[in-house]
Protein backbone atom coordinates (compact mmCIF):
# COMPACT_ATOMS: atom_id res chain seq x y z
CA MET A 1 141.45 85.26 50.89
CA PRO A 2 138.60 86.58 53.10
CA GLU A 3 135.53 88.01 51.41
CA SER A 4 134.89 91.52 50.14
CA GLY A 5 134.43 94.22 52.75
CA SER A 6 136.79 92.63 55.25
CA THR A 7 140.28 93.80 56.16
CA ILE A 8 143.46 91.79 56.64
CA ILE A 9 146.49 93.05 58.57
CA GLY A 10 149.70 92.14 56.82
CA LEU A 11 153.29 92.23 58.10
CA ASN A 12 156.17 93.14 55.77
CA ALA A 13 159.90 93.10 56.47
CA VAL A 14 162.63 95.04 54.65
CA ILE A 15 165.72 93.12 55.77
CA VAL A 16 168.95 94.89 54.84
CA ALA A 17 172.56 93.71 54.87
CA VAL A 18 175.75 94.98 53.22
CA ARG A 19 178.11 92.47 51.65
CA ASP A 20 181.35 93.64 50.05
CA LEU A 21 180.19 96.84 48.30
CA SER A 22 176.60 95.71 47.79
CA PRO A 23 173.62 96.85 49.89
CA ARG A 24 171.38 93.79 49.92
CA VAL A 25 167.71 93.22 50.60
CA LEU A 26 166.14 89.86 51.35
CA VAL A 27 163.57 88.65 48.82
CA VAL A 28 161.28 85.61 48.85
CA ARG A 29 159.70 83.99 45.80
CA ARG A 30 157.37 81.42 47.33
CA ALA A 31 154.58 81.66 49.91
CA SER A 32 151.33 79.82 50.57
CA HIS A 33 149.68 82.02 53.21
CA ALA A 34 146.49 84.04 52.73
CA LEU A 35 148.27 87.07 51.26
CA ALA A 36 150.45 85.16 48.79
CA THR A 37 149.90 86.08 45.15
CA PRO A 38 149.29 83.48 42.43
CA ALA A 39 152.87 83.95 41.18
CA GLN A 40 154.21 83.13 44.66
CA ARG A 41 151.99 80.06 44.88
CA GLY A 42 153.32 78.82 41.56
CA GLU A 43 149.96 79.33 39.88
CA PRO A 44 149.24 81.12 36.57
CA ALA A 45 149.80 84.82 37.19
CA ALA A 46 148.57 88.03 35.61
CA ALA A 47 150.79 89.74 33.07
CA GLY A 48 153.56 91.70 34.74
CA GLU A 49 153.11 90.08 38.15
CA SER A 50 156.47 89.35 39.78
CA PRO A 51 156.94 86.64 42.41
CA ASP A 52 159.76 88.65 44.05
CA ALA A 53 158.48 89.91 47.39
CA LEU A 54 159.70 91.18 50.70
CA PRO A 55 159.17 88.59 53.44
CA PHE A 56 155.54 89.00 54.50
CA GLY A 57 152.51 87.29 55.90
CA PRO A 58 149.19 87.92 57.65
CA PHE A 59 148.99 88.88 61.30
CA GLY A 60 147.34 86.10 63.30
CA PRO A 61 145.74 87.61 66.43
CA GLU A 62 145.29 84.17 67.98
CA ARG A 63 148.86 83.11 67.30
CA HIS A 64 150.81 86.38 67.49
CA ARG A 65 150.85 88.29 70.78
CA THR A 66 152.27 91.42 69.10
CA LEU A 67 152.73 92.65 65.54
CA GLU A 68 156.51 92.43 65.82
CA LEU A 69 156.37 88.84 67.08
CA GLY A 70 154.15 88.03 64.13
CA LEU A 71 156.68 89.57 61.78
CA ARG A 72 159.53 87.60 63.34
CA ASP A 73 157.45 84.42 63.02
CA TRP A 74 156.87 84.90 59.29
CA VAL A 75 160.48 85.89 58.61
CA GLY A 76 161.66 82.77 60.40
CA ARG A 77 159.31 80.53 58.45
CA LEU A 78 160.12 82.01 55.06
CA THR A 79 163.84 82.69 55.39
CA GLY A 80 165.19 80.86 58.47
CA LEU A 81 166.53 84.13 59.92
CA ASN A 82 166.22 85.17 63.55
CA LEU A 83 166.06 88.95 63.41
CA GLY A 84 167.96 91.23 65.77
CA TYR A 85 167.47 94.99 65.27
CA VAL A 86 163.92 95.70 64.08
CA GLU A 87 161.92 98.91 63.97
CA GLN A 88 158.49 99.75 62.63
CA LEU A 89 158.63 101.56 59.31
CA TYR A 90 155.16 102.64 58.19
CA THR A 91 151.60 101.39 57.78
CA PHE A 92 150.57 100.86 54.15
CA GLY A 93 146.81 100.96 53.69
CA ASP A 94 146.07 102.53 50.30
CA ARG A 95 142.98 101.22 48.58
CA PHE A 96 143.71 98.64 45.86
CA ARG A 97 147.35 98.25 46.92
CA ASP A 98 146.52 94.57 46.53
CA PRO A 99 144.92 94.33 43.05
CA ARG A 100 142.71 91.46 44.23
CA GLU A 101 140.64 94.05 46.08
CA LEU A 102 139.41 95.10 42.62
CA GLU A 103 137.99 91.60 42.24
CA GLY A 104 136.08 91.75 45.53
CA GLY A 105 138.91 90.65 47.79
CA PRO A 106 139.59 92.22 51.20
CA ARG A 107 141.46 95.41 51.81
CA VAL A 108 144.99 94.66 53.00
CA VAL A 109 146.60 97.02 55.52
CA SER A 110 150.25 96.12 56.02
CA VAL A 111 152.58 97.17 58.82
CA GLY A 112 156.11 97.49 57.46
CA TYR A 113 159.28 96.93 59.44
CA ILE A 114 162.96 97.44 58.69
CA ALA A 115 165.62 95.09 60.03
CA LEU A 116 169.41 95.45 59.81
CA VAL A 117 171.40 92.23 59.79
CA ARG A 118 174.68 90.70 58.68
CA GLU A 119 174.14 88.48 55.69
CA ALA A 120 173.68 84.85 56.71
CA PRO A 121 172.75 81.54 55.07
CA LEU A 122 169.06 81.18 54.35
CA SER A 123 166.53 78.39 54.70
CA GLY A 124 162.77 78.25 55.21
CA SER A 125 159.93 77.78 52.75
CA GLY A 126 160.13 81.05 50.85
CA GLU A 127 162.95 80.32 48.39
CA ALA A 128 164.63 83.36 49.93
CA TYR A 129 167.68 85.00 48.41
CA TRP A 130 169.64 88.23 48.67
CA ARG A 131 169.41 90.93 45.99
CA ASP A 132 171.27 94.19 45.56
CA TRP A 133 168.62 96.77 46.41
CA TYR A 134 169.77 98.89 43.47
CA ASP A 135 168.54 96.09 41.18
CA PHE A 136 165.06 97.36 42.10
CA LEU A 137 165.87 101.10 42.30
CA PRO A 138 168.83 101.58 39.90
CA TRP A 139 168.38 105.36 39.64
CA GLU A 140 169.37 105.66 43.33
CA ASP A 141 172.99 104.48 42.89
CA TRP A 142 175.29 107.44 42.14
CA ARG A 143 178.48 105.95 43.55
CA ASN A 144 180.04 105.85 40.06
CA GLY A 145 178.46 109.04 38.80
CA ARG A 146 175.05 109.66 37.26
CA PRO A 147 173.33 106.34 36.52
CA PRO A 148 172.66 105.98 32.77
CA VAL A 149 168.97 105.37 33.48
CA ILE A 150 168.54 108.92 34.84
CA ASP A 151 168.54 110.52 31.39
CA THR A 152 165.95 108.01 30.17
CA LEU A 153 163.71 108.70 33.15
CA ARG A 154 164.02 112.46 32.75
CA ASP A 155 162.89 112.10 29.13
CA GLY A 156 159.92 110.01 30.22
CA LEU A 157 159.01 112.53 32.91
CA GLN A 158 159.19 115.37 30.42
CA GLN A 159 156.68 113.54 28.22
CA TRP A 160 154.46 113.06 31.29
CA ILE A 161 154.59 116.81 31.96
CA GLU A 162 153.62 117.58 28.37
CA ARG A 163 150.67 115.17 28.47
CA ALA A 164 148.93 117.22 31.19
CA ASN A 165 145.59 118.65 30.09
CA ASP A 166 145.95 122.15 31.54
CA PRO A 167 148.71 124.65 32.45
CA ASP A 168 148.25 124.32 36.21
CA THR A 169 148.69 120.55 36.11
CA ARG A 170 151.72 120.89 33.85
CA GLN A 171 153.31 123.34 36.28
CA ALA A 172 152.56 121.11 39.27
CA ARG A 173 154.17 118.18 37.49
CA ARG A 174 157.14 120.29 36.46
CA ASP A 175 157.68 121.35 40.07
CA ARG A 176 157.57 117.75 41.34
CA VAL A 177 160.09 116.63 38.73
CA ALA A 178 162.39 119.54 39.59
CA MET A 179 162.37 118.59 43.28
CA THR A 180 163.02 114.89 42.74
CA PHE A 181 164.90 114.52 39.42
CA SER A 182 166.65 117.87 39.22
CA GLN A 183 168.80 118.51 36.16
CA GLU A 184 171.52 119.69 38.56
CA ASP A 185 173.24 116.48 39.63
CA ALA A 186 174.99 118.14 42.57
CA THR A 187 171.61 118.84 44.19
CA TRP A 188 170.53 115.17 44.19
CA ASP A 189 168.78 114.57 47.51
CA VAL A 190 169.55 111.04 48.68
CA GLU A 191 166.53 110.98 51.01
CA ARG A 192 163.84 111.55 48.37
CA VAL A 193 163.74 107.87 47.40
CA LEU A 194 160.04 107.38 48.10
CA GLU A 195 159.04 110.62 46.38
CA ARG A 196 160.96 109.58 43.26
CA HIS A 197 159.38 106.13 43.20
CA GLU A 198 155.86 107.51 43.67
CA LEU A 199 156.44 110.06 40.91
CA LEU A 200 157.64 107.35 38.51
CA TYR A 201 154.60 105.24 39.40
CA GLU A 202 152.17 108.08 38.72
CA ALA A 203 153.93 108.82 35.43
CA GLY A 204 153.54 105.17 34.39
CA LEU A 205 157.31 104.65 34.18
CA VAL A 206 157.66 101.59 36.42
CA ALA A 207 156.37 98.09 35.73
CA GLU A 208 153.95 98.07 38.66
CA ALA A 209 152.08 101.05 37.18
CA GLN A 210 151.50 99.19 33.93
CA ARG A 211 150.45 96.05 35.81
CA ASP A 212 147.98 97.92 38.03
CA ARG A 213 146.51 99.86 35.12
CA ARG A 214 145.86 96.63 33.23
CA ALA A 215 144.17 95.16 36.32
CA TRP A 216 142.01 98.25 36.75
CA THR A 217 140.98 98.28 33.09
CA ALA A 218 140.18 94.57 33.17
CA GLN A 219 137.74 95.13 36.04
CA THR A 220 136.16 98.43 34.95
CA GLY A 221 136.30 98.04 31.18
CA SER A 222 138.05 100.23 28.65
CA GLY A 223 135.55 103.03 29.31
CA GLY A 224 136.12 103.04 33.05
CA VAL A 225 137.41 106.18 34.71
CA LEU A 226 141.01 105.76 35.82
CA PRO A 227 141.92 107.03 39.30
CA PRO A 228 144.30 110.01 39.37
CA TRP A 229 147.38 107.93 40.07
CA MET A 230 146.77 105.93 36.88
CA GLU A 231 145.68 108.74 34.60
CA ALA A 232 148.84 108.90 32.50
CA PRO A 233 148.52 106.93 29.26
CA LEU A 234 151.20 104.29 28.98
CA ASP A 235 153.41 103.61 26.02
CA GLU A 236 153.49 99.82 25.78
CA SER A 237 156.91 100.00 24.11
CA TRP A 238 158.38 101.55 27.26
CA ARG A 239 160.76 99.19 29.07
CA PRO A 240 160.46 100.07 32.76
CA PRO A 241 163.81 100.18 34.57
CA GLY A 242 164.61 98.13 37.65
CA GLY A 243 163.21 94.82 38.80
CA ALA A 244 159.49 94.72 39.57
CA MET A 245 158.22 93.38 42.88
CA ALA A 246 154.96 91.79 44.01
CA LEU A 247 152.08 94.07 44.99
CA ASP A 248 153.48 97.41 46.28
CA HIS A 249 156.63 95.92 47.78
CA ARG A 250 158.94 98.15 45.73
CA ARG A 251 157.19 101.15 47.28
CA ILE A 252 157.80 99.63 50.73
CA LEU A 253 161.47 99.13 49.82
CA ALA A 254 161.71 102.77 48.68
CA THR A 255 160.17 103.87 51.99
CA ALA A 256 162.76 101.86 53.90
CA MET A 257 165.63 103.26 51.84
CA SER A 258 164.43 106.80 52.54
CA ARG A 259 164.12 106.08 56.25
CA LEU A 260 167.51 104.43 56.53
CA ARG A 261 169.31 107.16 54.62
CA GLY A 262 167.69 109.75 56.83
CA LYS A 263 168.58 107.94 60.03
CA LEU A 264 172.26 107.83 59.07
CA LYS A 265 172.31 111.51 60.02
CA TYR A 266 171.26 111.14 63.61
CA ARG A 267 171.39 107.49 64.73
CA PRO A 268 174.35 105.07 64.66
CA VAL A 269 172.32 102.41 62.81
CA ILE A 270 175.17 101.81 60.39
CA PHE A 271 177.04 99.87 63.06
CA GLU A 272 174.31 97.21 63.05
CA LEU A 273 175.63 96.25 59.61
CA LEU A 274 179.29 95.98 60.61
CA PRO A 275 181.25 93.38 62.56
CA ARG A 276 182.39 94.33 66.04
CA GLU A 277 185.76 95.48 64.67
CA PHE A 278 186.16 97.20 61.31
CA THR A 279 188.44 99.50 59.37
CA LEU A 280 187.49 103.09 58.62
CA LEU A 281 187.54 102.17 54.93
CA ARG A 282 184.91 99.51 55.54
CA LEU A 283 182.79 101.98 57.52
CA GLN A 284 182.98 104.44 54.61
CA GLN A 285 182.10 101.73 52.07
CA VAL A 286 178.96 100.78 54.02
CA ALA A 287 177.94 104.45 54.30
CA GLU A 288 178.41 104.86 50.54
CA ALA A 289 176.50 101.67 49.80
CA LEU A 290 173.49 102.84 51.79
CA SER A 291 173.51 106.49 50.70
CA GLY A 292 174.26 105.73 47.04
CA VAL A 293 176.86 108.49 46.67
CA PRO A 294 180.65 108.58 47.03
CA LEU A 295 182.20 110.24 50.07
CA HIS A 296 185.39 112.23 50.40
CA LYS A 297 187.75 109.91 52.26
CA GLN A 298 189.56 112.44 54.45
CA ASN A 299 186.45 114.44 55.27
CA PHE A 300 184.51 111.33 56.22
CA ARG A 301 187.27 110.04 58.50
CA ARG A 302 187.72 113.42 60.11
CA LEU A 303 184.01 113.71 60.82
CA VAL A 304 183.71 110.19 62.28
CA THR A 305 186.76 110.51 64.51
CA GLN A 306 186.03 114.07 65.67
CA ALA A 307 182.49 113.03 66.54
CA ARG A 308 184.03 110.25 68.64
CA LEU A 309 181.74 107.65 67.09
CA VAL A 310 184.53 105.10 66.97
CA GLU A 311 187.58 104.20 68.99
CA PRO A 312 190.74 102.28 68.03
CA THR A 313 191.10 98.72 69.27
CA GLY A 314 194.88 98.61 69.09
CA ARG A 315 194.65 95.82 66.50
CA PHE A 316 195.25 95.82 62.76
CA ASP A 317 193.82 94.08 59.72
CA SER A 318 196.69 92.52 57.80
CA GLN A 319 194.50 91.12 55.02
CA THR A 320 194.07 94.39 53.16
CA GLY A 321 196.49 93.55 50.35
CA GLY A 322 198.76 96.39 51.40
CA ARG A 323 199.70 98.21 54.56
CA PRO A 324 197.82 96.81 57.60
CA ALA A 325 194.80 98.95 58.46
CA GLU A 326 193.88 99.93 62.00
CA LEU A 327 190.74 98.33 63.41
CA PHE A 328 188.09 100.37 65.20
CA GLN A 329 184.91 99.68 67.10
CA PHE A 330 181.73 101.63 67.79
CA ARG A 331 182.09 103.80 70.86
CA ARG A 332 178.82 103.16 72.69
CA GLU A 333 179.33 105.93 75.22
CA VAL A 334 178.34 108.38 72.48
CA LEU A 335 174.72 107.30 72.95
CA ARG A 336 174.75 108.89 76.40
CA GLU A 337 176.77 111.94 75.41
CA ARG A 338 174.49 113.44 72.76
CA PRO A 339 171.04 112.78 71.33
CA ALA A 340 171.87 112.51 67.62
CA PRO A 341 175.10 110.54 67.05
CA GLY A 342 174.97 109.93 63.28
CA VAL A 343 177.73 109.55 60.70
CA GLY A 344 177.32 112.96 59.13
CA ILE A 345 175.12 112.48 56.10
CA PRO A 346 174.45 116.27 55.91
CA ALA A 347 178.04 116.56 54.68
CA LEU A 348 177.40 114.26 51.72
CA ARG A 349 178.39 115.75 48.40
CA LEU A 350 178.92 114.17 45.04
CA VAL A 351 182.65 113.72 44.47
CA HIS A 352 183.75 114.98 41.05
């Protein structure tokens, strides 16, 4: 990597597909570029370092005319995919987001993108594979009721509240937990994915927090002052839930999940994940997979049809195992008719 004091621009891709009932994200395990971690290079890695990463690579100003073209280049090399729909997500530039900066390495500022695709065979050099995105964020999947991990996390967060040194800090922590991990399941806000992940990181309840704290302590010594986001003492017996990712890639994934869930309200992005013709059941299943909560069948169909988001094709799917289901397609005229043609996420409620 370049020397201390320099800055590298990275490019990260959250590539999402939905297969059957599973929302999938593309992960790579191998890379040899300048931003690759030792675990991705196949070298001895630090404790807790995962090789699982979002497709990423450094921006090459001589080779890449634009940031997006650079992203597409790296995705093609690592996974063999040619991306279609792509949009810029966020720029991630926090200090020490790459732990090697602690060792005198450069600061890495990464531009994140989100891409929606239909799952396809993979190739390339990155040992790419598809993973259910709830493998990394299991507390976000409420389709079958409250995830068992929620109670464990609430207990851990309560301990974090009690460890605060003063009443004001305890109250501030209590307020954050109430907004993100409310005890009232019916008030679960599907869009607060990033806030929940960042809270769990600050409370030391995810694997990346333990990994980064060890790296910080190794560089500053046991008497070094921890930054605020690492101040919580960690119980080494704690088994962090969900799969860890390289660097801060799980935070990037959480950002993408928040963005995508929000956009379901006002943009027809869901249709990027569907074939040209689909049943209303399949449309509902994809909406549930992305939002992480079950939807009321009749209400969902009524909303979609009354909003004129879809139109019948006159054809039927006879491979449903029962009565043939009518096939629909996205009605593109809706893009000209109103500015926010989403699938009605504001109507989401937990089904009891």
